[in-house]
Amino acid sequence: MFILLFLNLFVYTTIIASLGATTFIIFTMPSAYSAKTKNILGGYTVGIISGIIFNSMSLVLVDKIDMINLSMLYMITGALSVGITIFVMAITNTEHPPAVGMALSLILTPWNYQSLLYVFISILLMILVKRLLRRWLIDLQ
């Protein structure tokens, strides 16, 4: 609700979808490996950094190369962002699948740093609620 309150549902659809997937993992599989605090925070940090880097790269390339097909550029930078995010999460042991979606969403949709702040606040709120409710949360199977 917090993220929906502060972000435009129609502009930030992919960011909201990524956070929805995180919410599902945290509250339906609280003891899962990807629901650990380290994985959530680490995964989103890696995904956001990767997304920002490859988004910046695509913006620079669009200005420098007139002949490049815009959709092809987004496909390439999106694939690189996803691949690098998966690789870095794997080597840092911070696997959280929805964070890969966040990396891709920063390539495909408009965003600003304020929206990323809302993402981190939302993640921290979810982690806090999970800790407060840990006694009652069970894995649904």
C-alpha atoms as a PDB file:
ATOM      1  CA  MET A   1       0.000   0.000   0.000  1.00  0.00           C
ATOM      2  CA  PHE A   2       2.878   2.341   0.827  1.00  0.00           C
ATOM      3  CA  ILE A   3       4.427   2.020  -2.618  1.00  0.00           C
ATOM      4  CA  LEU A   4       1.030   2.380  -4.328  1.00  0.00           C
ATOM      5  CA  LEU A   5       0.376   5.485  -2.284  1.00  0.00           C
ATOM      6  CA  PHE A   6       3.529   7.248  -3.447  1.00  0.00           C
ATOM      7  CA  LEU A   7       4.127   5.876  -6.943  1.00  0.00           C
ATOM      8  CA  ASN A   8       1.894   6.269  -9.970  1.00  0.00           C
ATOM      9  CA  LEU A   9       0.440   2.806 -10.622  1.00  0.00           C
ATOM     10  CA  PHE A  10       0.387   3.340 -14.382  1.00  0.00           C
ATOM     11  CA  VAL A  11       3.917   4.730 -14.765  1.00  0.00           C
ATOM     12  CA  TYR A  12       5.836   2.473 -12.372  1.00  0.00           C
ATOM     13  CA  THR A  13       4.042  -0.789 -13.183  1.00  0.00           C
ATOM     14  CA  THR A  14       7.158  -2.963 -13.426  1.00  0.00           C
ATOM     15  CA  ILE A  15       8.649  -1.568 -10.216  1.00  0.00           C
ATOM     16  CA  ILE A  16       5.387  -2.258  -8.399  1.00  0.00           C
ATOM     17  CA  ALA A  17       5.257  -5.778  -9.865  1.00  0.00           C
ATOM     18  CA  SER A  18       8.752  -6.481  -8.551  1.00  0.00           C
ATOM     19  CA  LEU A  19       7.765  -5.311  -5.072  1.00  0.00           C
ATOM     20  CA  GLY A  20       4.589  -7.395  -5.270  1.00  0.00           C
ATOM     21  CA  ALA A  21       6.681 -10.491  -5.929  1.00  0.00           C
ATOM     22  CA  THR A  22       8.878  -9.638  -2.944  1.00  0.00           C
ATOM     23  CA  THR A  23       5.794  -9.218  -0.773  1.00  0.00           C
ATOM     24  CA  PHE A  24       4.569 -12.644  -1.855  1.00  0.00           C
ATOM     25  CA  ILE A  25       7.900 -14.293  -1.008  1.00  0.00           C
ATOM     26  CA  ILE A  26       8.256 -12.563   2.365  1.00  0.00           C
ATOM     27  CA  PHE A  27       4.762 -13.345   3.629  1.00  0.00           C
ATOM     28  CA  THR A  28       4.013 -16.749   2.084  1.00  0.00           C
ATOM     29  CA  MET A  29       7.492 -18.274   2.360  1.00  0.00           C
ATOM     30  CA  PRO A  30       9.078 -16.426   5.292  1.00  0.00           C
ATOM     31  CA  SER A  31      11.721 -19.086   5.933  1.00  0.00           C
ATOM     32  CA  ALA A  32      12.773 -19.378   2.270  1.00  0.00           C
ATOM     33  CA  TYR A  33      16.344 -18.532   1.380  1.00  0.00           C
ATOM     34  CA  SER A  34      15.277 -15.634  -0.841  1.00  0.00           C
ATOM     35  CA  ALA A  35      13.146 -14.194   1.995  1.00  0.00           C
ATOM     36  CA  LYS A  36      16.183 -13.565   4.209  1.00  0.00           C
ATOM     37  CA  THR A  37      16.862  -9.912   4.998  1.00  0.00           C
ATOM     38  CA  LYS A  38      20.372 -10.140   3.542  1.00  0.00           C
ATOM     39  CA  ASN A  39      19.019 -11.473   0.262  1.00  0.00           C
ATOM     40  CA  ILE A  40      16.252  -8.914  -0.041  1.00  0.00           C
ATOM     41  CA  LEU A  41      18.451  -5.907   0.708  1.00  0.00           C
ATOM     42  CA  GLY A  42      21.459  -7.247  -1.175  1.00  0.00           C
ATOM     43  CA  GLY A  43      19.420  -8.373  -4.174  1.00  0.00           C
ATOM     44  CA  TYR A  44      17.635  -5.054  -4.552  1.00  0.00           C
ATOM     45  CA  THR A  45      20.871  -3.128  -4.096  1.00  0.00           C
ATOM     46  CA  VAL A  46      22.539  -5.157  -6.841  1.00  0.00           C
ATOM     47  CA  GLY A  47      19.472  -4.941  -9.100  1.00  0.00           C
ATOM     48  CA  ILE A  48      19.101  -1.196  -8.691  1.00  0.00           C
ATOM     49  CA  ILE A  49      22.788  -0.486  -9.243  1.00  0.00           C
ATOM     50  CA  SER A  50      22.839  -2.693 -12.329  1.00  0.00           C
ATOM     51  CA  GLY A  51      19.658  -1.086 -13.647  1.00  0.00           C
ATOM     52  CA  ILE A  52      21.026   2.420 -13.135  1.00  0.00           C
ATOM     53  CA  ILE A  53      24.322   1.572 -14.849  1.00  0.00           C
ATOM     54  CA  PHE A  54      22.727  -0.008 -17.902  1.00  0.00           C
ATOM     55  CA  ASN A  55      20.016   2.649 -18.097  1.00  0.00           C
ATOM     56  CA  SER A  56      22.733   5.305 -18.148  1.00  0.00           C
ATOM     57  CA  MET A  57      24.601   3.312 -20.777  1.00  0.00           C
ATOM     58  CA  SER A  58      21.518   3.156 -22.993  1.00  0.00           C
ATOM     59  CA  LEU A  59      20.945   6.911 -22.635  1.00  0.00           C
ATOM     60  CA  VAL A  60      24.537   7.622 -23.661  1.00  0.00           C
ATOM     61  CA  LEU A  61      24.374   5.210 -26.598  1.00  0.00           C
ATOM     62  CA  VAL A  62      21.103   6.670 -27.879  1.00  0.00           C
ATOM     63  CA  ASP A  63      22.742  10.103 -28.075  1.00  0.00           C
ATOM     64  CA  LYS A  64      25.969   8.817 -29.638  1.00  0.00           C
ATOM     65  CA  ILE A  65      24.688   6.315 -32.171  1.00  0.00           C
ATOM     66  CA  ASP A  66      21.990   7.523 -34.533  1.00  0.00           C
ATOM     67  CA  MET A  67      21.717   4.291 -36.493  1.00  0.00           C
ATOM     68  CA  ILE A  68      20.845   1.994 -33.606  1.00  0.00           C
ATOM     69  CA  ASN A  69      17.325   0.668 -33.311  1.00  0.00           C
ATOM     70  CA  LEU A  70      15.912   1.895 -29.988  1.00  0.00           C
ATOM     71  CA  SER A  71      14.073  -1.334 -29.159  1.00  0.00           C
ATOM     72  CA  MET A  72      17.218  -3.355 -29.935  1.00  0.00           C
ATOM     73  CA  LEU A  73      19.210  -1.102 -27.601  1.00  0.00           C
ATOM     74  CA  TYR A  74      16.715  -1.679 -24.793  1.00  0.00           C
ATOM     75  CA  MET A  75      16.759  -5.427 -25.422  1.00  0.00           C
ATOM     76  CA  ILE A  76      20.555  -5.540 -25.234  1.00  0.00           C
ATOM     77  CA  THR A  77      20.932  -3.300 -22.172  1.00  0.00           C
ATOM     78  CA  GLY A  78      17.990  -5.031 -20.468  1.00  0.00           C
ATOM     79  CA  ALA A  79      19.508  -8.464 -21.067  1.00  0.00           C
ATOM     80  CA  LEU A  80      22.900  -7.273 -19.824  1.00  0.00           C
ATOM     81  CA  SER A  81      21.320  -5.747 -16.737  1.00  0.00           C
ATOM     82  CA  VAL A  82      19.456  -8.968 -15.944  1.00  0.00           C
ATOM     83  CA  GLY A  83      22.517 -11.142 -16.593  1.00  0.00           C
ATOM     84  CA  ILE A  84      24.858  -9.014 -14.494  1.00  0.00           C
ATOM     85  CA  THR A  85      22.314  -8.814 -11.670  1.00  0.00           C
ATOM     86  CA  ILE A  86      21.922 -12.597 -11.581  1.00  0.00           C
ATOM     87  CA  PHE A  87      25.688 -13.107 -11.726  1.00  0.00           C
ATOM     88  CA  VAL A  88      26.497 -10.622  -8.943  1.00  0.00           C
ATOM     89  CA  MET A  89      23.692 -11.905  -6.723  1.00  0.00           C
ATOM     90  CA  ALA A  90      24.978 -15.453  -7.187  1.00  0.00           C
ATOM     91  CA  ILE A  91      28.581 -14.622  -6.307  1.00  0.00           C
ATOM     92  CA  THR A  92      27.574 -12.461  -3.331  1.00  0.00           C
ATOM     93  CA  ASN A  93      25.015 -15.015  -2.077  1.00  0.00           C
ATOM     94  CA  THR A  94      22.184 -12.463  -2.147  1.00  0.00           C
ATOM     95  CA  GLU A  95      19.754 -14.193  -4.485  1.00  0.00           C
ATOM     96  CA  HIS A  96      16.330 -12.562  -4.546  1.00  0.00           C
ATOM     97  CA  PRO A  97      14.533 -13.163  -7.880  1.00  0.00           C
ATOM     98  CA  PRO A  98      12.251 -10.081  -7.836  1.00  0.00           C
ATOM     99  CA  ALA A  99      15.343  -7.869  -7.690  1.00  0.00           C
ATOM    100  CA  VAL A 100      16.186  -9.046 -11.206  1.00  0.00           C
ATOM    101  CA  GLY A 101      12.830  -7.660 -12.292  1.00  0.00           C
ATOM    102  CA  MET A 102      13.776  -4.369 -10.671  1.00  0.00           C
ATOM    103  CA  ALA A 103      16.972  -4.204 -12.735  1.00  0.00           C
ATOM    104  CA  LEU A 104      14.982  -4.764 -15.926  1.00  0.00           C
ATOM    105  CA  SER A 105      12.290  -2.276 -14.935  1.00  0.00           C
ATOM    106  CA  LEU A 106      14.889   0.482 -14.630  1.00  0.00           C
ATOM    107  CA  ILE A 107      15.729  -0.098 -18.292  1.00  0.00           C
ATOM    108  CA  LEU A 108      12.172  -0.375 -19.612  1.00  0.00           C
ATOM    109  CA  THR A 109      10.237   2.233 -17.645  1.00  0.00           C
ATOM    110  CA  PRO A 110      10.865   5.834 -16.630  1.00  0.00           C
ATOM    111  CA  TRP A 111      12.027   6.291 -13.046  1.00  0.00           C
ATOM    112  CA  ASN A 112      13.672   8.822 -10.759  1.00  0.00           C
ATOM    113  CA  TYR A 113      15.755   8.623  -7.614  1.00  0.00           C
ATOM    114  CA  GLN A 114      12.761   9.498  -5.452  1.00  0.00           C
ATOM    115  CA  SER A 115      10.975   6.362  -6.694  1.00  0.00           C
ATOM    116  CA  LEU A 116      14.041   4.287  -5.762  1.00  0.00           C
ATOM    117  CA  LEU A 117      13.941   5.802  -2.281  1.00  0.00           C
ATOM    118  CA  TYR A 118      10.300   4.676  -2.005  1.00  0.00           C
ATOM    119  CA  VAL A 119      11.366   1.200  -3.112  1.00  0.00           C
ATOM    120  CA  PHE A 120      13.980   0.963  -0.349  1.00  0.00           C
ATOM    121  CA  ILE A 121      11.574   2.347   2.251  1.00  0.00           C
ATOM    122  CA  SER A 122       8.963  -0.201   1.150  1.00  0.00           C
ATOM    123  CA  ILE A 123      11.493  -3.022   1.397  1.00  0.00           C
ATOM    124  CA  LEU A 124      12.540  -1.906   4.870  1.00  0.00           C
ATOM    125  CA  LEU A 125       8.886  -1.704   5.956  1.00  0.00           C
ATOM    126  CA  MET A 126       8.224  -5.225   4.654  1.00  0.00           C
ATOM    127  CA  ILE A 127      11.262  -6.561   6.505  1.00  0.00           C
ATOM    128  CA  LEU A 128      10.147  -4.796   9.692  1.00  0.00           C
ATOM    129  CA  VAL A 129       6.611  -6.189   9.429  1.00  0.00           C
ATOM    130  CA  LYS A 130       8.025  -9.657   8.762  1.00  0.00           C
ATOM    131  CA  ARG A 131      10.145  -9.426  11.920  1.00  0.00           C
ATOM    132  CA  LEU A 132       7.201  -8.201  13.967  1.00  0.00           C
ATOM    133  CA  LEU A 133       4.985 -11.020  12.695  1.00  0.00           C
ATOM    134  CA  ARG A 134       7.604 -13.788  12.548  1.00  0.00           C
ATOM    135  CA  ARG A 135       5.964 -15.676  15.394  1.00  0.00           C
ATOM    136  CA  TRP A 136       2.777 -16.099  13.349  1.00  0.00           C
ATOM    137  CA  LEU A 137       4.112 -16.394   9.805  1.00  0.00           C
ATOM    138  CA  ILE A 138       4.319 -19.882   8.315  1.00  0.00           C
ATOM    139  CA  ASP A 139       5.428 -21.223   4.964  1.00  0.00           C
ATOM    140  CA  LEU A 140       2.440 -21.933   2.745  1.00  0.00           C
ATOM    141  CA  GLN A 141       2.995 -24.998   0.619  1.00  0.00           C
END
